[in-house]
Amino acid sequence: MEEAIWDELVAQLTDDKFLDFVGRFTTDHCVSFYGKSEYSLEHTELHEKYKRLYESRMEALLKKRGWSFDQFIIHSEELLQKDPEVHGALLDYIMAIDDFTCFAKMMHQKHLTLLMQPDADEDQVDADDGDDDE
């Protein structure tokens, strides 16, 4: 029964509608990350919004199950000891959401992917206009 929360979490984080929403978010904002070696407050704020997308899903599930975040962490550590390969991958995924460097690389890669699409909308994938003050 305790492992059921992991299954529910995976289902929540891989739900097609949720992933479509996240995909639209990254598509809408990836151009501002393209070609950057330094990031602005805007980039940090976008990362915070991105994290909230995932955190709100996780928090809703924990609340529904009557779990605190601390209980989830303790349970996660126990499951990780039992099966590090399976549960470690999910924890790595969750931890990567919190990592700004991972987020920035993902956004840069998303922009490159959009540039490679033959039907790319120029307004959607146009590189930064050169004005870094925005």
N, C-alpha and C. Protein backbone atom coordinates (compact mmCIF):
# COMPACT_ATOMS: atom_id res chain seq x y z
N MET A 1 0.83 -1.20 0.00
CA MET A 1 0.00 0.00 0.00
C MET A 1 0.87 1.26 0.00
N GLU A 2 1.99 1.23 0.75
CA GLU A 2 2.84 2.42 0.81
C GLU A 2 3.46 2.76 -0.53
N GLU A 3 3.76 1.75 -1.35
CA GLU A 3 4.34 2.03 -2.65
C GLU A 3 3.33 2.64 -3.61
N ALA A 4 2.06 2.55 -3.27
CA ALA A 4 1.02 3.11 -4.13
C ALA A 4 1.21 4.62 -4.33
N ILE A 5 1.73 5.30 -3.32
CA ILE A 5 1.93 6.74 -3.47
C ILE A 5 2.96 7.04 -4.56
N TRP A 6 3.95 6.16 -4.70
CA TRP A 6 4.93 6.33 -5.77
C TRP A 6 4.26 6.18 -7.12
N ASP A 7 3.41 5.16 -7.24
CA ASP A 7 2.70 4.95 -8.50
C ASP A 7 1.82 6.15 -8.83
N GLU A 8 1.14 6.67 -7.81
CA GLU A 8 0.29 7.84 -8.01
C GLU A 8 1.12 9.06 -8.40
N LEU A 9 2.28 9.21 -7.78
CA LEU A 9 3.15 10.34 -8.09
C LEU A 9 3.63 10.27 -9.53
N VAL A 10 4.05 9.08 -9.94
CA VAL A 10 4.49 8.91 -11.33
C VAL A 10 3.33 9.24 -12.27
N ALA A 11 2.13 8.76 -11.94
CA ALA A 11 0.97 9.04 -12.78
C ALA A 11 0.68 10.54 -12.84
N GLN A 12 0.80 11.22 -11.72
CA GLN A 12 0.55 12.67 -11.68
C GLN A 12 1.57 13.44 -12.52
N LEU A 13 2.83 13.05 -12.42
CA LEU A 13 3.90 13.80 -13.09
C LEU A 13 4.05 13.43 -14.56
N THR A 14 3.42 12.34 -14.98
CA THR A 14 3.52 11.93 -16.38
C THR A 14 2.16 11.98 -17.10
N ASP A 15 1.18 12.54 -16.45
CA ASP A 15 -0.14 12.71 -17.05
C ASP A 15 -0.02 13.53 -18.34
N ASP A 16 -0.64 13.06 -19.42
CA ASP A 16 -0.51 13.73 -20.72
C ASP A 16 -0.94 15.19 -20.68
N LYS A 17 -2.04 15.48 -20.03
CA LYS A 17 -2.52 16.87 -19.97
C LYS A 17 -1.53 17.75 -19.21
N PHE A 18 -0.97 17.22 -18.12
CA PHE A 18 0.01 17.97 -17.36
C PHE A 18 1.27 18.20 -18.19
N LEU A 19 1.74 17.16 -18.86
CA LEU A 19 2.95 17.30 -19.68
C LEU A 19 2.72 18.24 -20.86
N ASP A 20 1.51 18.24 -21.41
CA ASP A 20 1.20 19.20 -22.47
C ASP A 20 1.28 20.63 -21.93
N PHE A 21 0.74 20.83 -20.73
CA PHE A 21 0.78 22.15 -20.10
C PHE A 21 2.23 22.59 -19.86
N VAL A 22 3.04 21.69 -19.32
CA VAL A 22 4.45 21.99 -19.08
C VAL A 22 5.15 22.26 -20.41
N GLY A 23 4.81 21.49 -21.43
CA GLY A 23 5.39 21.70 -22.75
C GLY A 23 5.08 23.07 -23.32
N ARG A 24 3.84 23.52 -23.13
CA ARG A 24 3.47 24.86 -23.58
C ARG A 24 4.24 25.93 -22.81
N PHE A 25 4.39 25.72 -21.51
CA PHE A 25 5.15 26.65 -20.68
C PHE A 25 6.59 26.76 -21.19
N THR A 26 7.24 25.63 -21.41
CA THR A 26 8.64 25.66 -21.85
C THR A 26 8.76 26.24 -23.25
N THR A 27 7.81 25.93 -24.14
CA THR A 27 7.83 26.49 -25.49
C THR A 27 7.67 28.00 -25.44
N ASP A 28 6.77 28.47 -24.61
CA ASP A 28 6.52 29.91 -24.51
C ASP A 28 7.71 30.69 -23.97
N HIS A 29 8.57 30.06 -23.18
CA HIS A 29 9.62 30.80 -22.50
C HIS A 29 11.05 30.40 -22.87
N CYS A 30 11.22 29.39 -23.69
CA CYS A 30 12.57 28.88 -23.95
C CYS A 30 13.47 29.84 -24.71
N VAL A 31 12.89 30.68 -25.56
CA VAL A 31 13.72 31.57 -26.38
C VAL A 31 14.59 32.49 -25.53
N SER A 32 14.11 32.88 -24.37
CA SER A 32 14.89 33.81 -23.54
C SER A 32 16.13 33.15 -22.93
N PHE A 33 16.21 31.82 -22.99
CA PHE A 33 17.37 31.11 -22.45
C PHE A 33 18.42 30.81 -23.52
N TYR A 34 18.05 30.97 -24.76
CA TYR A 34 18.93 30.57 -25.86
C TYR A 34 20.19 31.42 -25.91
N GLY A 35 21.33 30.74 -25.92
CA GLY A 35 22.61 31.42 -26.08
C GLY A 35 23.09 32.21 -24.88
N LYS A 36 22.50 31.99 -23.75
CA LYS A 36 22.88 32.76 -22.55
C LYS A 36 23.94 32.00 -21.74
N SER A 37 24.87 32.76 -21.21
CA SER A 37 25.82 32.17 -20.26
C SER A 37 25.56 32.72 -18.86
N GLU A 38 24.82 33.83 -18.82
CA GLU A 38 24.40 34.41 -17.54
C GLU A 38 22.89 34.62 -17.61
N TYR A 39 22.26 34.52 -16.46
CA TYR A 39 20.81 34.57 -16.43
C TYR A 39 20.33 35.71 -15.55
N SER A 40 19.14 36.20 -15.88
CA SER A 40 18.57 37.35 -15.19
C SER A 40 17.55 36.92 -14.14
N LEU A 41 17.04 37.90 -13.45
CA LEU A 41 15.97 37.66 -12.48
C LEU A 41 14.76 37.04 -13.18
N GLU A 42 14.49 37.46 -14.40
CA GLU A 42 13.37 36.88 -15.17
C GLU A 42 13.54 35.37 -15.31
N HIS A 43 14.75 34.92 -15.57
CA HIS A 43 15.01 33.48 -15.72
C HIS A 43 14.78 32.75 -14.39
N THR A 44 15.21 33.37 -13.31
CA THR A 44 15.00 32.78 -11.99
C THR A 44 13.50 32.69 -11.69
N GLU A 45 12.77 33.73 -12.03
CA GLU A 45 11.33 33.72 -11.80
C GLU A 45 10.62 32.66 -12.64
N LEU A 46 11.07 32.48 -13.88
CA LEU A 46 10.51 31.42 -14.72
C LEU A 46 10.78 30.05 -14.12
N HIS A 47 11.98 29.88 -13.57
CA HIS A 47 12.31 28.61 -12.93
C HIS A 47 11.41 28.38 -11.72
N GLU A 48 11.15 29.40 -10.96
CA GLU A 48 10.26 29.28 -9.80
C GLU A 48 8.85 28.87 -10.24
N LYS A 49 8.36 29.46 -11.31
CA LYS A 49 7.04 29.09 -11.83
C LYS A 49 7.03 27.64 -12.30
N TYR A 50 8.09 27.24 -12.98
CA TYR A 50 8.23 25.86 -13.46
C TYR A 50 8.20 24.89 -12.27
N LYS A 51 8.97 25.20 -11.24
CA LYS A 51 8.99 24.34 -10.05
C LYS A 51 7.61 24.24 -9.42
N ARG A 52 6.89 25.36 -9.35
CA ARG A 52 5.55 25.36 -8.76
C ARG A 52 4.59 24.46 -9.52
N LEU A 53 4.77 24.34 -10.83
CA LEU A 53 3.92 23.42 -11.60
C LEU A 53 4.01 22.01 -11.01
N TYR A 54 5.23 21.58 -10.75
CA TYR A 54 5.45 20.23 -10.22
C TYR A 54 5.11 20.15 -8.73
N GLU A 55 5.55 21.15 -7.99
CA GLU A 55 5.31 21.13 -6.54
C GLU A 55 3.83 21.09 -6.22
N SER A 56 3.03 21.85 -6.95
CA SER A 56 1.60 21.88 -6.67
C SER A 56 0.96 20.52 -6.94
N ARG A 57 1.42 19.82 -7.96
CA ARG A 57 0.91 18.47 -8.24
C ARG A 57 1.28 17.53 -7.10
N MET A 58 2.54 17.61 -6.67
CA MET A 58 2.99 16.72 -5.60
C MET A 58 2.27 17.04 -4.29
N GLU A 59 2.15 18.32 -3.97
CA GLU A 59 1.49 18.72 -2.73
C GLU A 59 0.03 18.28 -2.71
N ALA A 60 -0.65 18.40 -3.85
CA ALA A 60 -2.06 17.98 -3.92
C ALA A 60 -2.19 16.48 -3.65
N LEU A 61 -1.28 15.71 -4.21
CA LEU A 61 -1.32 14.26 -3.99
C LEU A 61 -1.05 13.93 -2.52
N LEU A 62 -0.04 14.54 -1.93
CA LEU A 62 0.28 14.27 -0.54
C LEU A 62 -0.88 14.66 0.37
N LYS A 63 -1.48 15.79 0.08
CA LYS A 63 -2.61 16.25 0.89
C LYS A 63 -3.78 15.26 0.77
N LYS A 64 -4.04 14.83 -0.45
CA LYS A 64 -5.11 13.86 -0.70
C LYS A 64 -4.89 12.57 0.08
N ARG A 65 -3.64 12.16 0.17
CA ARG A 65 -3.29 10.93 0.88
C ARG A 65 -3.11 11.15 2.38
N GLY A 66 -3.18 12.40 2.84
CA GLY A 66 -3.01 12.70 4.26
C GLY A 66 -1.57 12.63 4.73
N TRP A 67 -0.65 12.85 3.82
CA TRP A 67 0.78 12.78 4.14
C TRP A 67 1.36 14.18 4.25
N SER A 68 2.32 14.32 5.15
CA SER A 68 3.12 15.54 5.18
C SER A 68 4.33 15.32 4.26
N PHE A 69 4.99 16.40 3.92
CA PHE A 69 6.18 16.27 3.09
C PHE A 69 7.26 15.47 3.82
N ASP A 70 7.38 15.69 5.13
CA ASP A 70 8.37 14.95 5.92
C ASP A 70 8.09 13.45 5.89
N GLN A 71 6.82 13.07 5.99
CA GLN A 71 6.46 11.65 5.90
C GLN A 71 6.85 11.08 4.54
N PHE A 72 6.62 11.86 3.50
CA PHE A 72 6.96 11.41 2.16
C PHE A 72 8.47 11.20 2.03
N ILE A 73 9.26 12.12 2.58
CA ILE A 73 10.72 12.00 2.52
C ILE A 73 11.18 10.75 3.25
N ILE A 74 10.66 10.52 4.44
CA ILE A 74 11.03 9.32 5.21
C ILE A 74 10.67 8.07 4.43
N HIS A 75 9.47 8.04 3.90
CA HIS A 75 9.02 6.90 3.10
C HIS A 75 9.90 6.72 1.86
N SER A 76 10.26 7.82 1.24
CA SER A 76 11.10 7.78 0.04
C SER A 76 12.46 7.17 0.36
N GLU A 77 13.02 7.55 1.49
CA GLU A 77 14.33 7.01 1.89
C GLU A 77 14.24 5.51 2.11
N GLU A 78 13.14 5.05 2.72
CA GLU A 78 12.95 3.61 2.94
C GLU A 78 12.85 2.86 1.61
N LEU A 79 12.06 3.40 0.69
CA LEU A 79 11.91 2.76 -0.62
C LEU A 79 13.21 2.80 -1.41
N LEU A 80 13.94 3.86 -1.27
CA LEU A 80 15.21 3.99 -1.97
C LEU A 80 16.19 2.91 -1.51
N GLN A 81 16.17 2.60 -0.23
CA GLN A 81 17.04 1.54 0.29
C GLN A 81 16.61 0.17 -0.25
N LYS A 82 15.30 -0.04 -0.41
CA LYS A 82 14.80 -1.32 -0.91
C LYS A 82 15.10 -1.51 -2.39
N ASP A 83 14.92 -0.47 -3.18
CA ASP A 83 15.09 -0.57 -4.63
C ASP A 83 15.66 0.73 -5.18
N PRO A 84 16.97 0.91 -5.03
CA PRO A 84 17.59 2.19 -5.42
C PRO A 84 17.46 2.51 -6.90
N GLU A 85 17.44 1.50 -7.75
CA GLU A 85 17.40 1.77 -9.18
C GLU A 85 16.07 2.41 -9.59
N VAL A 86 14.98 1.81 -9.18
CA VAL A 86 13.66 2.31 -9.58
C VAL A 86 13.34 3.62 -8.88
N HIS A 87 13.44 3.64 -7.58
CA HIS A 87 13.05 4.82 -6.83
C HIS A 87 14.08 5.94 -6.93
N GLY A 88 15.33 5.58 -7.16
CA GLY A 88 16.37 6.58 -7.33
C GLY A 88 16.16 7.42 -8.58
N ALA A 89 15.68 6.78 -9.64
CA ALA A 89 15.43 7.51 -10.89
C ALA A 89 14.36 8.58 -10.69
N LEU A 90 13.30 8.24 -9.97
CA LEU A 90 12.24 9.21 -9.72
C LEU A 90 12.74 10.34 -8.83
N LEU A 91 13.50 10.00 -7.80
CA LEU A 91 14.04 11.05 -6.92
C LEU A 91 14.99 11.96 -7.68
N ASP A 92 15.80 11.38 -8.55
CA ASP A 92 16.70 12.20 -9.38
C ASP A 92 15.90 13.16 -10.25
N TYR A 93 14.81 12.67 -10.82
CA TYR A 93 13.95 13.47 -11.66
C TYR A 93 13.35 14.63 -10.86
N ILE A 94 12.86 14.33 -9.67
CA ILE A 94 12.25 15.35 -8.82
C ILE A 94 13.30 16.39 -8.40
N MET A 95 14.49 15.91 -8.05
CA MET A 95 15.54 16.83 -7.63
C MET A 95 16.01 17.71 -8.78
N ALA A 96 16.01 17.18 -10.00
CA ALA A 96 16.43 17.96 -11.16
C ALA A 96 15.49 19.12 -11.43
N ILE A 97 14.21 18.96 -11.09
CA ILE A 97 13.24 20.05 -11.26
C ILE A 97 13.67 21.27 -10.46
N ASP A 98 14.27 21.03 -9.31
CA ASP A 98 14.69 22.11 -8.40
C ASP A 98 16.01 22.76 -8.81
N ASP A 99 16.74 22.16 -9.72
CA ASP A 99 18.08 22.61 -10.10
C ASP A 99 18.00 23.61 -11.26
N PHE A 100 18.37 24.86 -10.99
CA PHE A 100 18.28 25.89 -12.03
C PHE A 100 19.15 25.56 -13.24
N THR A 101 20.34 25.04 -13.02
CA THR A 101 21.23 24.72 -14.14
C THR A 101 20.59 23.68 -15.06
N CYS A 102 19.98 22.66 -14.49
CA CYS A 102 19.27 21.66 -15.29
C CYS A 102 18.12 22.31 -16.06
N PHE A 103 17.39 23.18 -15.39
CA PHE A 103 16.27 23.88 -16.02
C PHE A 103 16.76 24.73 -17.20
N ALA A 104 17.82 25.50 -16.99
CA ALA A 104 18.34 26.37 -18.05
C ALA A 104 18.81 25.54 -19.24
N LYS A 105 19.48 24.44 -19.00
CA LYS A 105 19.93 23.57 -20.09
C LYS A 105 18.74 22.99 -20.84
N MET A 106 17.71 22.58 -20.09
CA MET A 106 16.51 22.02 -20.70
C MET A 106 15.82 23.07 -21.58
N MET A 107 15.75 24.31 -21.09
CA MET A 107 15.10 25.38 -21.86
C MET A 107 15.91 25.70 -23.12
N HIS A 108 17.21 25.71 -23.00
CA HIS A 108 18.07 25.93 -24.17
C HIS A 108 17.84 24.81 -25.19
N GLN A 109 17.82 23.57 -24.73
CA GLN A 109 17.61 22.43 -25.62
C GLN A 109 16.22 22.48 -26.26
N LYS A 110 15.23 22.91 -25.52
CA LYS A 110 13.87 23.04 -26.06
C LYS A 110 13.88 24.02 -27.22
N HIS A 111 14.59 25.14 -27.05
CA HIS A 111 14.66 26.13 -28.13
C HIS A 111 15.36 25.54 -29.35
N LEU A 112 16.44 24.82 -29.15
CA LEU A 112 17.13 24.19 -30.28
C LEU A 112 16.22 23.20 -30.99
N THR A 113 15.43 22.45 -30.23
CA THR A 113 14.49 21.50 -30.82
C THR A 113 13.47 22.23 -31.68
N LEU A 114 12.97 23.34 -31.18
CA LEU A 114 12.00 24.12 -31.94
C LEU A 114 12.62 24.68 -33.22
N LEU A 115 13.87 25.09 -33.14
CA LEU A 115 14.56 25.61 -34.33
C LEU A 115 14.69 24.55 -35.42
N MET A 116 14.81 23.29 -35.00
CA MET A 116 15.01 22.19 -35.94
C MET A 116 13.72 21.73 -36.61
N GLN A 117 12.57 22.15 -36.10
CA GLN A 117 11.30 21.74 -36.68
C GLN A 117 11.10 22.45 -38.02
N PRO A 118 10.75 21.70 -39.06
CA PRO A 118 10.60 22.31 -40.39
C PRO A 118 9.50 23.35 -40.46
N ASP A 119 8.48 23.23 -39.63
CA ASP A 119 7.36 24.18 -39.66
C ASP A 119 7.44 25.18 -38.51
N ALA A 120 8.67 25.46 -38.05
CA ALA A 120 8.87 26.35 -36.90
C ALA A 120 8.33 27.73 -37.21
N ASP A 121 7.57 28.27 -36.29
CA ASP A 121 7.02 29.62 -36.37
C ASP A 121 8.13 30.59 -35.99
N GLU A 122 8.49 31.47 -36.90
CA GLU A 122 9.61 32.39 -36.67
C GLU A 122 9.46 33.20 -35.38
N ASP A 123 8.25 33.66 -35.08
CA ASP A 123 8.05 34.44 -33.86
C ASP A 123 8.30 33.59 -32.62
N GLN A 124 7.99 32.31 -32.70
CA GLN A 124 8.12 31.41 -31.55
C GLN A 124 9.58 31.08 -31.25
N VAL A 125 10.39 30.92 -32.31
CA VAL A 125 11.74 30.42 -32.12
C VAL A 125 12.82 31.46 -32.39
N ASP A 126 12.45 32.67 -32.76
CA ASP A 126 13.45 33.71 -33.02
C ASP A 126 14.36 33.87 -31.82
N ALA A 127 15.64 33.92 -32.09
CA ALA A 127 16.62 34.13 -31.02
C ALA A 127 16.43 35.52 -30.44
N ASP A 128 16.98 35.72 -29.29
CA ASP A 128 16.90 37.00 -28.58
C ASP A 128 17.25 38.15 -29.51
N ASP A 129 16.55 39.26 -29.36
CA ASP A 129 16.76 40.41 -30.25
C ASP A 129 18.03 41.19 -29.95
N GLY A 130 18.83 40.69 -29.02
CA GLY A 130 20.10 41.34 -28.70
C GLY A 130 20.01 42.30 -27.55
N ASP A 131 18.82 42.62 -27.09
CA ASP A 131 18.64 43.55 -25.98
C ASP A 131 18.56 42.75 -24.69
N ASP A 132 19.66 42.65 -23.98
CA ASP A 132 19.72 41.85 -22.75
C ASP A 132 19.19 42.58 -21.55
N ASP A 133 18.71 43.80 -21.71
CA ASP A 133 18.22 44.58 -20.58
C ASP A 133 16.78 44.25 -20.20
N GLU A 134 16.12 43.42 -20.97
CA GLU A 134 14.72 43.10 -20.67
C GLU A 134 14.61 42.12 -19.54
